[in-house]
PDB file of N, CA and C in Angstrom:
ATOM      1  N   MET A   1       0.724 -10.357  22.199  1.00  0.00           N
ATOM      2  CA  MET A   1       0.515  -9.108  21.485  1.00  0.00           C
ATOM      3  C   MET A   1      -0.907  -8.622  21.772  1.00  0.00           C
ATOM      4  N   GLU A   2      -1.019  -7.361  22.043  1.00  0.00           N
ATOM      5  CA  GLU A   2      -2.299  -6.753  22.346  1.00  0.00           C
ATOM      6  C   GLU A   2      -3.228  -6.828  21.125  1.00  0.00           C
ATOM      7  N   GLU A   3      -4.515  -7.096  21.378  1.00  0.00           N
ATOM      8  CA  GLU A   3      -5.502  -7.256  20.295  1.00  0.00           C
ATOM      9  C   GLU A   3      -5.536  -6.053  19.358  1.00  0.00           C
ATOM     10  N   GLN A   4      -5.525  -4.847  19.920  1.00  0.00           N
ATOM     11  CA  GLN A   4      -5.598  -3.642  19.098  1.00  0.00           C
ATOM     12  C   GLN A   4      -4.359  -3.504  18.209  1.00  0.00           C
ATOM     13  N   ASN A   5      -3.193  -3.849  18.742  1.00  0.00           N
ATOM     14  CA  ASN A   5      -1.968  -3.797  17.944  1.00  0.00           C
ATOM     15  C   ASN A   5      -2.030  -4.813  16.808  1.00  0.00           C
ATOM     16  N   LEU A   6      -2.542  -5.999  17.113  1.00  0.00           N
ATOM     17  CA  LEU A   6      -2.651  -7.034  16.090  1.00  0.00           C
ATOM     18  C   LEU A   6      -3.595  -6.581  14.971  1.00  0.00           C
ATOM     19  N   GLU A   7      -4.685  -5.930  15.330  1.00  0.00           N
ATOM     20  CA  GLU A   7      -5.607  -5.412  14.319  1.00  0.00           C
ATOM     21  C   GLU A   7      -4.922  -4.364  13.445  1.00  0.00           C
ATOM     22  N   SER A   8      -4.132  -3.513  14.037  1.00  0.00           N
ATOM     23  CA  SER A   8      -3.406  -2.493  13.268  1.00  0.00           C
ATOM     24  C   SER A   8      -2.391  -3.145  12.340  1.00  0.00           C
ATOM     25  N   ILE A   9      -1.689  -4.122  12.843  1.00  0.00           N
ATOM     26  CA  ILE A   9      -0.686  -4.820  12.035  1.00  0.00           C
ATOM     27  C   ILE A   9      -1.346  -5.534  10.859  1.00  0.00           C
ATOM     28  N   MET A  10      -2.458  -6.206  11.135  1.00  0.00           N
ATOM     29  CA  MET A  10      -3.162  -6.893  10.054  1.00  0.00           C
ATOM     30  C   MET A  10      -3.743  -5.882   9.065  1.00  0.00           C
ATOM     31  N   GLY A  11      -4.166  -4.725   9.561  1.00  0.00           N
ATOM     32  CA  GLY A  11      -4.639  -3.662   8.669  1.00  0.00           C
ATOM     33  C   GLY A  11      -3.542  -3.194   7.734  1.00  0.00           C
ATOM     34  N   LEU A  12      -2.343  -3.087   8.254  1.00  0.00           N
ATOM     35  CA  LEU A  12      -1.199  -2.731   7.413  1.00  0.00           C
ATOM     36  C   LEU A  12      -0.990  -3.765   6.313  1.00  0.00           C
ATOM     37  N   ILE A  13      -0.980  -5.026   6.688  1.00  0.00           N
ATOM     38  CA  ILE A  13      -0.713  -6.104   5.728  1.00  0.00           C
ATOM     39  C   ILE A  13      -1.805  -6.168   4.661  1.00  0.00           C
ATOM     40  N   VAL A  14      -3.059  -6.164   5.086  1.00  0.00           N
ATOM     41  CA  VAL A  14      -4.178  -6.286   4.149  1.00  0.00           C
ATOM     42  C   VAL A  14      -4.234  -5.092   3.201  1.00  0.00           C
ATOM     43  N   ASN A  15      -4.178  -3.893   3.749  1.00  0.00           N
ATOM     44  CA  ASN A  15      -4.278  -2.709   2.898  1.00  0.00           C
ATOM     45  C   ASN A  15      -3.071  -2.550   1.980  1.00  0.00           C
ATOM     46  N   ALA A  16      -1.894  -2.873   2.467  1.00  0.00           N
ATOM     47  CA  ALA A  16      -0.712  -2.805   1.607  1.00  0.00           C
ATOM     48  C   ALA A  16      -0.820  -3.839   0.484  1.00  0.00           C
ATOM     49  N   GLY A  17      -1.296  -5.018   0.811  1.00  0.00           N
ATOM     50  CA  GLY A  17      -1.494  -6.054  -0.212  1.00  0.00           C
ATOM     51  C   GLY A  17      -2.503  -5.625  -1.257  1.00  0.00           C
ATOM     52  N   ASN A  18      -3.595  -5.010  -0.807  1.00  0.00           N
ATOM     53  CA  ASN A  18      -4.597  -4.508  -1.744  1.00  0.00           C
ATOM     54  C   ASN A  18      -4.009  -3.435  -2.651  1.00  0.00           C
ATOM     55  N   ALA A  19      -3.208  -2.556  -2.083  1.00  0.00           N
ATOM     56  CA  ALA A  19      -2.586  -1.488  -2.873  1.00  0.00           C
ATOM     57  C   ALA A  19      -1.677  -2.075  -3.946  1.00  0.00           C
ATOM     58  N   LYS A  20      -0.883  -3.036  -3.572  1.00  0.00           N
ATOM     59  CA  LYS A  20       0.043  -3.633  -4.540  1.00  0.00           C
ATOM     60  C   LYS A  20      -0.725  -4.352  -5.645  1.00  0.00           C
ATOM     61  N   SER A  21      -1.777  -5.062  -5.281  1.00  0.00           N
ATOM     62  CA  SER A  21      -2.595  -5.755  -6.285  1.00  0.00           C
ATOM     63  C   SER A  21      -3.239  -4.765  -7.249  1.00  0.00           C
ATOM     64  N   ASP A  22      -3.803  -3.689  -6.698  1.00  0.00           N
ATOM     65  CA  ASP A  22      -4.424  -2.674  -7.556  1.00  0.00           C
ATOM     66  C   ASP A  22      -3.394  -2.014  -8.469  1.00  0.00           C
ATOM     67  N   ALA A  23      -2.208  -1.772  -7.963  1.00  0.00           N
ATOM     68  CA  ALA A  23      -1.153  -1.163  -8.778  1.00  0.00           C
ATOM     69  C   ALA A  23      -0.756  -2.093  -9.924  1.00  0.00           C
ATOM     70  N   MET A  24      -0.694  -3.387  -9.658  1.00  0.00           N
ATOM     71  CA  MET A  24      -0.369  -4.354 -10.712  1.00  0.00           C
ATOM     72  C   MET A  24      -1.473  -4.389 -11.760  1.00  0.00           C
ATOM     73  N   GLU A  25      -2.714  -4.361 -11.303  1.00  0.00           N
ATOM     74  CA  GLU A  25      -3.833  -4.340 -12.237  1.00  0.00           C
ATOM     75  C   GLU A  25      -3.835  -3.048 -13.052  1.00  0.00           C
ATOM     76  N   ALA A  26      -3.407  -1.954 -12.459  1.00  0.00           N
ATOM     77  CA  ALA A  26      -3.310  -0.682 -13.177  1.00  0.00           C
ATOM     78  C   ALA A  26      -2.285  -0.786 -14.306  1.00  0.00           C
ATOM     79  N   ILE A  27      -1.158  -1.402 -14.037  1.00  0.00           N
ATOM     80  CA  ILE A  27      -0.135  -1.589 -15.075  1.00  0.00           C
ATOM     81  C   ILE A  27      -0.697  -2.433 -16.212  1.00  0.00           C
ATOM     82  N   GLN A  28      -1.391  -3.513 -15.874  1.00  0.00           N
ATOM     83  CA  GLN A  28      -1.954  -4.395 -16.904  1.00  0.00           C
ATOM     84  C   GLN A  28      -2.993  -3.660 -17.747  1.00  0.00           C
ATOM     85  N   ALA A  29      -3.803  -2.827 -17.098  1.00  0.00           N
ATOM     86  CA  ALA A  29      -4.803  -2.052 -17.831  1.00  0.00           C
ATOM     87  C   ALA A  29      -4.124  -1.068 -18.788  1.00  0.00           C
ATOM     88  N   ALA A  30      -3.088  -0.403 -18.313  1.00  0.00           N
ATOM     89  CA  ALA A  30      -2.369   0.548 -19.159  1.00  0.00           C
ATOM     90  C   ALA A  30      -1.704  -0.161 -20.333  1.00  0.00           C
ATOM     91  N   LYS A  31      -1.175  -1.316 -20.073  1.00  0.00           N
ATOM     92  CA  LYS A  31      -0.528  -2.102 -21.132  1.00  0.00           C
ATOM     93  C   LYS A  31      -1.528  -2.447 -22.228  1.00  0.00           C
ATOM     94  N   ALA A  32      -2.790  -2.664 -21.818  1.00  0.00           N
ATOM     95  CA  ALA A  32      -3.854  -2.971 -22.772  1.00  0.00           C
ATOM     96  C   ALA A  32      -4.461  -1.711 -23.383  1.00  0.00           C
ATOM     97  N   GLY A  33      -3.964  -0.537 -22.967  1.00  0.00           N
ATOM     98  CA  GLY A  33      -4.447   0.719 -23.516  1.00  0.00           C
ATOM     99  C   GLY A  33      -5.672   1.281 -22.821  1.00  0.00           C
ATOM    100  N   ASN A  34      -6.065   0.677 -21.699  1.00  0.00           N
ATOM    101  CA  ASN A  34      -7.245   1.145 -20.959  1.00  0.00           C
ATOM    102  C   ASN A  34      -6.782   2.072 -19.828  1.00  0.00           C
ATOM    103  N   PHE A  35      -6.547   3.319 -20.166  1.00  0.00           N
ATOM    104  CA  PHE A  35      -5.970   4.260 -19.213  1.00  0.00           C
ATOM    105  C   PHE A  35      -6.962   4.739 -18.163  1.00  0.00           C
ATOM    106  N   ASP A  36      -8.244   4.757 -18.508  1.00  0.00           N
ATOM    107  CA  ASP A  36      -9.252   5.113 -17.498  1.00  0.00           C
ATOM    108  C   ASP A  36      -9.262   4.085 -16.374  1.00  0.00           C
ATOM    109  N   GLU A  37      -9.223   2.812 -16.743  1.00  0.00           N
ATOM    110  CA  GLU A  37      -9.175   1.747 -15.735  1.00  0.00           C
ATOM    111  C   GLU A  37      -7.875   1.822 -14.941  1.00  0.00           C
ATOM    112  N   ALA A  38      -6.784   2.092 -15.617  1.00  0.00           N
ATOM    113  CA  ALA A  38      -5.485   2.200 -14.936  1.00  0.00           C
ATOM    114  C   ALA A  38      -5.528   3.320 -13.901  1.00  0.00           C
ATOM    115  N   ASP A  39      -6.117   4.444 -14.277  1.00  0.00           N
ATOM    116  CA  ASP A  39      -6.220   5.570 -13.343  1.00  0.00           C
ATOM    117  C   ASP A  39      -7.088   5.215 -12.138  1.00  0.00           C
ATOM    118  N   GLU A  40      -8.183   4.508 -12.371  1.00  0.00           N
ATOM    119  CA  GLU A  40      -9.062   4.094 -11.267  1.00  0.00           C
ATOM    120  C   GLU A  40      -8.344   3.123 -10.326  1.00  0.00           C
ATOM    121  N   LYS A  41      -7.585   2.215 -10.892  1.00  0.00           N
ATOM    122  CA  LYS A  41      -6.853   1.242 -10.070  1.00  0.00           C
ATOM    123  C   LYS A  41      -5.780   1.938  -9.240  1.00  0.00           C
ATOM    124  N   ILE A  42      -5.130   2.939  -9.807  1.00  0.00           N
ATOM    125  CA  ILE A  42      -4.128   3.685  -9.046  1.00  0.00           C
ATOM    126  C   ILE A  42      -4.808   4.454  -7.911  1.00  0.00           C
ATOM    127  N   LYS A  43      -5.960   5.045  -8.177  1.00  0.00           N
ATOM    128  CA  LYS A  43      -6.699   5.737  -7.114  1.00  0.00           C
ATOM    129  C   LYS A  43      -7.056   4.767  -5.992  1.00  0.00           C
ATOM    130  N   SER A  44      -7.465   3.564  -6.372  1.00  0.00           N
ATOM    131  CA  SER A  44      -7.807   2.548  -5.374  1.00  0.00           C
ATOM    132  C   SER A  44      -6.566   2.141  -4.574  1.00  0.00           C
ATOM    133  N   ALA A  45      -5.439   1.995  -5.267  1.00  0.00           N
ATOM    134  CA  ALA A  45      -4.184   1.658  -4.588  1.00  0.00           C
ATOM    135  C   ALA A  45      -3.806   2.741  -3.590  1.00  0.00           C
ATOM    136  N   GLU A  46      -3.946   3.990  -4.004  1.00  0.00           N
ATOM    137  CA  GLU A  46      -3.607   5.103  -3.119  1.00  0.00           C
ATOM    138  C   GLU A  46      -4.537   5.160  -1.910  1.00  0.00           C
ATOM    139  N   ALA A  47      -5.810   4.847  -2.116  1.00  0.00           N
ATOM    140  CA  ALA A  47      -6.755   4.820  -0.995  1.00  0.00           C
ATOM    141  C   ALA A  47      -6.384   3.722   0.005  1.00  0.00           C
ATOM    142  N   SER A  48      -5.958   2.581  -0.496  1.00  0.00           N
ATOM    143  CA  SER A  48      -5.525   1.496   0.387  1.00  0.00           C
ATOM    144  C   SER A  48      -4.269   1.886   1.156  1.00  0.00           C
ATOM    145  N   LEU A  49      -3.377   2.608   0.497  1.00  0.00           N
ATOM    146  CA  LEU A  49      -2.170   3.073   1.183  1.00  0.00           C
ATOM    147  C   LEU A  49      -2.512   4.062   2.290  1.00  0.00           C
ATOM    148  N   VAL A  50      -3.498   4.895   2.072  1.00  0.00           N
ATOM    149  CA  VAL A  50      -3.935   5.827   3.115  1.00  0.00           C
ATOM    150  C   VAL A  50      -4.447   5.042   4.319  1.00  0.00           C
ATOM    151  N   GLU A  51      -5.247   4.014   4.065  1.00  0.00           N
ATOM    152  CA  GLU A  51      -5.762   3.178   5.159  1.00  0.00           C
ATOM    153  C   GLU A  51      -4.617   2.487   5.903  1.00  0.00           C
ATOM    154  N   ALA A  52      -3.650   2.002   5.156  1.00  0.00           N
ATOM    155  CA  ALA A  52      -2.491   1.362   5.786  1.00  0.00           C
ATOM    156  C   ALA A  52      -1.732   2.369   6.651  1.00  0.00           C
ATOM    157  N   HIS A  53      -1.599   3.580   6.156  1.00  0.00           N
ATOM    158  CA  HIS A  53      -0.914   4.622   6.928  1.00  0.00           C
ATOM    159  C   HIS A  53      -1.663   4.944   8.212  1.00  0.00           C
ATOM    160  N   HIS A  54      -2.986   4.905   8.159  1.00  0.00           N
ATOM    161  CA  HIS A  54      -3.768   5.138   9.379  1.00  0.00           C
ATOM    162  C   HIS A  54      -3.427   4.080  10.433  1.00  0.00           C
ATOM    163  N   SER A  55      -3.323   2.834   9.990  1.00  0.00           N
ATOM    164  CA  SER A  55      -2.945   1.768  10.922  1.00  0.00           C
ATOM    165  C   SER A  55      -1.555   2.005  11.483  1.00  0.00           C
ATOM    166  N   GLN A  56      -0.648   2.374  10.615  1.00  0.00           N
ATOM    167  CA  GLN A  56       0.729   2.622  11.037  1.00  0.00           C
ATOM    168  C   GLN A  56       0.801   3.803  11.995  1.00  0.00           C
ATOM    169  N   THR A  57       0.065   4.853  11.701  1.00  0.00           N
ATOM    170  CA  THR A  57       0.063   6.041  12.546  1.00  0.00           C
ATOM    171  C   THR A  57      -0.440   5.715  13.944  1.00  0.00           C
ATOM    172  N   GLY A  58      -1.445   4.854  14.029  1.00  0.00           N
ATOM    173  CA  GLY A  58      -1.948   4.433  15.336  1.00  0.00           C
ATOM    174  C   GLY A  58      -0.865   3.764  16.166  1.00  0.00           C
ATOM    175  N   LEU A  59      -0.102   2.900  15.531  1.00  0.00           N
ATOM    176  CA  LEU A  59       0.994   2.220  16.237  1.00  0.00           C
ATOM    177  C   LEU A  59       2.090   3.212  16.641  1.00  0.00           C
ATOM    178  N   LEU A  60       2.426   4.117  15.736  1.00  0.00           N
ATOM    179  CA  LEU A  60       3.470   5.101  16.031  1.00  0.00           C
ATOM    180  C   LEU A  60       3.043   6.055  17.149  1.00  0.00           C
ATOM    181  N   THR A  61       1.774   6.418  17.165  1.00  0.00           N
ATOM    182  CA  THR A  61       1.265   7.301  18.208  1.00  0.00           C
ATOM    183  C   THR A  61       1.380   6.642  19.579  1.00  0.00           C
ATOM    184  N   LYS A  62       1.019   5.379  19.645  1.00  0.00           N
ATOM    185  CA  LYS A  62       1.148   4.643  20.908  1.00  0.00           C
ATOM    186  C   LYS A  62       2.609   4.609  21.363  1.00  0.00           C
ATOM    187  N   GLU A  63       3.485   4.336  20.439  1.00  0.00           N
ATOM    188  CA  GLU A  63       4.913   4.274  20.759  1.00  0.00           C
ATOM    189  C   GLU A  63       5.400   5.627  21.278  1.00  0.00           C
ATOM    190  N   ALA A  64       4.972   6.697  20.631  1.00  0.00           N
ATOM    191  CA  ALA A  64       5.378   8.041  21.048  1.00  0.00           C
ATOM    192  C   ALA A  64       4.856   8.390  22.437  1.00  0.00           C
ATOM    193  N   LYS A  65       3.739   7.802  22.804  1.00  0.00           N
ATOM    194  CA  LYS A  65       3.153   8.047  24.127  1.00  0.00           C
ATOM    195  C   LYS A  65       3.761   7.143  25.206  1.00  0.00           C
ATOM    196  N   GLY A  66       4.734   6.336  24.800  1.00  0.00           N
ATOM    197  CA  GLY A  66       5.401   5.472  25.769  1.00  0.00           C
ATOM    198  C   GLY A  66       4.799   4.088  25.888  1.00  0.00           C
ATOM    199  N   GLU A  67       3.820   3.776  25.064  1.00  0.00           N
ATOM    200  CA  GLU A  67       3.204   2.446  25.072  1.00  0.00           C
ATOM    201  C   GLU A  67       3.984   1.547  24.119  1.00  0.00           C
ATOM    202  N   HIS A  68       5.087   1.023  24.602  1.00  0.00           N
ATOM    203  CA  HIS A  68       5.962   0.214  23.764  1.00  0.00           C
ATOM    204  C   HIS A  68       5.355  -1.164  23.529  1.00  0.00           C
ATOM    205  N   MET A  69       5.547  -1.655  22.318  1.00  0.00           N
ATOM    206  CA  MET A  69       5.060  -2.994  22.006  1.00  0.00           C
ATOM    207  C   MET A  69       6.237  -3.871  21.625  1.00  0.00           C
ATOM    208  N   THR A  70       6.046  -5.142  21.775  1.00  0.00           N
ATOM    209  CA  THR A  70       7.072  -6.101  21.383  1.00  0.00           C
ATOM    210  C   THR A  70       7.078  -6.200  19.870  1.00  0.00           C
ATOM    211  N   VAL A  71       8.234  -6.030  19.283  1.00  0.00           N
ATOM    212  CA  VAL A  71       8.358  -6.130  17.833  1.00  0.00           C
ATOM    213  C   VAL A  71       8.515  -7.612  17.483  1.00  0.00           C
ATOM    214  N   THR A  72       7.570  -8.088  16.680  1.00  0.00           N
ATOM    215  CA  THR A  72       7.584  -9.488  16.265  1.00  0.00           C
ATOM    216  C   THR A  72       7.871  -9.562  14.768  1.00  0.00           C
ATOM    217  N   LEU A  73       8.028 -10.762  14.289  1.00  0.00           N
ATOM    218  CA  LEU A  73       8.218 -10.960  12.854  1.00  0.00           C
ATOM    219  C   LEU A  73       7.005 -10.433  12.083  1.00  0.00           C
ATOM    220  N   LEU A  74       5.824 -10.582  12.639  1.00  0.00           N
ATOM    221  CA  LEU A  74       4.610 -10.083  12.007  1.00  0.00           C
ATOM    222  C   LEU A  74       4.642  -8.554  11.896  1.00  0.00           C
ATOM    223  N   THR A  75       5.155  -7.890  12.920  1.00  0.00           N
ATOM    224  CA  THR A  75       5.277  -6.432  12.901  1.00  0.00           C
ATOM    225  C   THR A  75       6.244  -6.001  11.798  1.00  0.00           C
ATOM    226  N   VAL A  76       7.378  -6.648  11.731  1.00  0.00           N
ATOM    227  CA  VAL A  76       8.378  -6.322  10.716  1.00  0.00           C
ATOM    228  C   VAL A  76       7.811  -6.597   9.319  1.00  0.00           C
ATOM    229  N   HIS A  77       7.113  -7.713   9.191  1.00  0.00           N
ATOM    230  CA  HIS A  77       6.508  -8.075   7.909  1.00  0.00           C
ATOM    231  C   HIS A  77       5.513  -7.004   7.455  1.00  0.00           C
ATOM    232  N   SER A  78       4.722  -6.493   8.387  1.00  0.00           N
ATOM    233  CA  SER A  78       3.728  -5.487   8.026  1.00  0.00           C
ATOM    234  C   SER A  78       4.403  -4.215   7.508  1.00  0.00           C
ATOM    235  N   GLN A  79       5.485  -3.805   8.139  1.00  0.00           N
ATOM    236  CA  GLN A  79       6.204  -2.609   7.698  1.00  0.00           C
ATOM    237  C   GLN A  79       6.856  -2.838   6.337  1.00  0.00           C
ATOM    238  N   ASP A  80       7.415  -4.016   6.154  1.00  0.00           N
ATOM    239  CA  ASP A  80       8.032  -4.365   4.877  1.00  0.00           C
ATOM    240  C   ASP A  80       6.983  -4.379   3.767  1.00  0.00           C
ATOM    241  N   HIS A  81       5.832  -4.948   4.076  1.00  0.00           N
ATOM    242  CA  HIS A  81       4.737  -5.016   3.111  1.00  0.00           C
ATOM    243  C   HIS A  81       4.304  -3.607   2.691  1.00  0.00           C
ATOM    244  N   LEU A  82       4.190  -2.708   3.651  1.00  0.00           N
ATOM    245  CA  LEU A  82       3.777  -1.338   3.358  1.00  0.00           C
ATOM    246  C   LEU A  82       4.815  -0.633   2.483  1.00  0.00           C
ATOM    247  N   MET A  83       6.064  -0.724   2.843  1.00  0.00           N
ATOM    248  CA  MET A  83       7.099  -0.034   2.072  1.00  0.00           C
ATOM    249  C   MET A  83       7.184  -0.581   0.646  1.00  0.00           C
ATOM    250  N   THR A  84       7.026  -1.883   0.493  1.00  0.00           N
ATOM    251  CA  THR A  84       7.033  -2.484  -0.838  1.00  0.00           C
ATOM    252  C   THR A  84       5.847  -1.983  -1.649  1.00  0.00           C
ATOM    253  N   ALA A  85       4.671  -1.908  -1.027  1.00  0.00           N
ATOM    254  CA  ALA A  85       3.471  -1.443  -1.724  1.00  0.00           C
ATOM    255  C   ALA A  85       3.613   0.009  -2.159  1.00  0.00           C
ATOM    256  N   ILE A  86       4.208   0.837  -1.309  1.00  0.00           N
ATOM    257  CA  ILE A  86       4.419   2.239  -1.666  1.00  0.00           C
ATOM    258  C   ILE A  86       5.348   2.341  -2.877  1.00  0.00           C
ATOM    259  N   ALA A  87       6.463   1.637  -2.829  1.00  0.00           N
ATOM    260  CA  ALA A  87       7.422   1.668  -3.936  1.00  0.00           C
ATOM    261  C   ALA A  87       6.794   1.117  -5.215  1.00  0.00           C
ATOM    262  N   PHE A  88       6.034   0.045  -5.082  1.00  0.00           N
ATOM    263  CA  PHE A  88       5.410  -0.578  -6.245  1.00  0.00           C
ATOM    264  C   PHE A  88       4.393   0.366  -6.873  1.00  0.00           C
ATOM    265  N   THR A  89       3.603   1.036  -6.051  1.00  0.00           N
ATOM    266  CA  THR A  89       2.606   1.972  -6.561  1.00  0.00           C
ATOM    267  C   THR A  89       3.278   3.152  -7.262  1.00  0.00           C
ATOM    268  N   ASP A  90       4.346   3.653  -6.693  1.00  0.00           N
ATOM    269  CA  ASP A  90       5.085   4.742  -7.334  1.00  0.00           C
ATOM    270  C   ASP A  90       5.631   4.304  -8.691  1.00  0.00           C
ATOM    271  N   LEU A  91       6.192   3.116  -8.753  1.00  0.00           N
ATOM    272  CA  LEU A  91       6.725   2.607 -10.021  1.00  0.00           C
ATOM    273  C   LEU A  91       5.601   2.345 -11.020  1.00  0.00           C
ATOM    274  N   ALA A  92       4.455   1.870 -10.538  1.00  0.00           N
ATOM    275  CA  ALA A  92       3.316   1.623 -11.423  1.00  0.00           C
ATOM    276  C   ALA A  92       2.891   2.914 -12.114  1.00  0.00           C
ATOM    277  N   LYS A  93       2.883   4.014 -11.377  1.00  0.00           N
ATOM    278  CA  LYS A  93       2.518   5.302 -11.971  1.00  0.00           C
ATOM    279  C   LYS A  93       3.478   5.665 -13.111  1.00  0.00           C
ATOM    280  N   GLU A  94       4.742   5.429 -12.897  1.00  0.00           N
ATOM    281  CA  GLU A  94       5.739   5.729 -13.934  1.00  0.00           C
ATOM    282  C   GLU A  94       5.549   4.823 -15.150  1.00  0.00           C
ATOM    283  N   ILE A  95       5.279   3.554 -14.917  1.00  0.00           N
ATOM    284  CA  ILE A  95       5.073   2.608 -16.022  1.00  0.00           C
ATOM    285  C   ILE A  95       3.826   2.988 -16.812  1.00  0.00           C
ATOM    286  N   ILE A  96       2.777   3.391 -16.116  1.00  0.00           N
ATOM    287  CA  ILE A  96       1.549   3.822 -16.782  1.00  0.00           C
ATOM    288  C   ILE A  96       1.832   5.050 -17.640  1.00  0.00           C
ATOM    289  N   ASP A  97       2.592   5.996 -17.116  1.00  0.00           N
ATOM    290  CA  ASP A  97       2.959   7.184 -17.900  1.00  0.00           C
ATOM    291  C   ASP A  97       3.740   6.798 -19.158  1.00  0.00           C
ATOM    292  N   LEU A  98       4.624   5.820 -19.041  1.00  0.00           N
ATOM    293  CA  LEU A  98       5.371   5.355 -20.212  1.00  0.00           C
ATOM    294  C   LEU A  98       4.434   4.749 -21.252  1.00  0.00           C
ATOM    295  N   HIS A  99       3.466   3.951 -20.785  1.00  0.00           N
ATOM    296  CA  HIS A  99       2.497   3.372 -21.715  1.00  0.00           C
ATOM    297  C   HIS A  99       1.662   4.462 -22.387  1.00  0.00           C
ATOM    298  N   ARG A 100       1.337   5.518 -21.652  1.00  0.00           N
ATOM    299  CA  ARG A 100       0.598   6.648 -22.242  1.00  0.00           C
ATOM    300  C   ARG A 100       1.420   7.289 -23.371  1.00  0.00           C
ATOM    301  N   GLU A 101       2.692   7.496 -23.107  1.00  0.00           N
ATOM    302  CA  GLU A 101       3.570   8.112 -24.107  1.00  0.00           C
ATOM    303  C   GLU A 101       3.695   7.232 -25.337  1.00  0.00           C
ATOM    304  N   ILE A 102       3.837   5.953 -25.132  1.00  0.00           N
ATOM    305  CA  ILE A 102       3.965   5.008 -26.252  1.00  0.00           C
ATOM    306  C   ILE A 102       2.682   5.001 -27.081  1.00  0.00           C
ATOM    307  N   ALA A 103       1.539   5.102 -26.394  1.00  0.00           N
ATOM    308  CA  ALA A 103       0.242   5.066 -27.072  1.00  0.00           C
ATOM    309  C   ALA A 103      -0.002   6.299 -27.929  1.00  0.00           C
ATOM    310  N   LYS A 104       0.673   7.403 -27.610  1.00  0.00           N
ATOM    311  CA  LYS A 104       0.502   8.638 -28.399  1.00  0.00           C
ATOM    312  C   LYS A 104       1.118   8.430 -29.740  1.00  0.00           C
TER     313      LYS A 104
END
């Protein structure tokens, strides 16, 4: 696997993992009634997702230009990690909104 592709793949995994962790911490903060912290954690999660998307876009751009790469288990794992983090962050936002409503 090409070094640059490996860096992009690892960027996907790391940033997606950070996003999911921040989203979980946001839920915990909201559960404790700390909505300012929950909002900050969601912003951090979204920023990590943007970084992960940059890595993904780099890989997709290469593919579109005809620079095909071998798909490995690590590649599949990185995509799975990103999609899970996106779904988790979206659900975290909904859970935080529910906690806000309950707190009213």
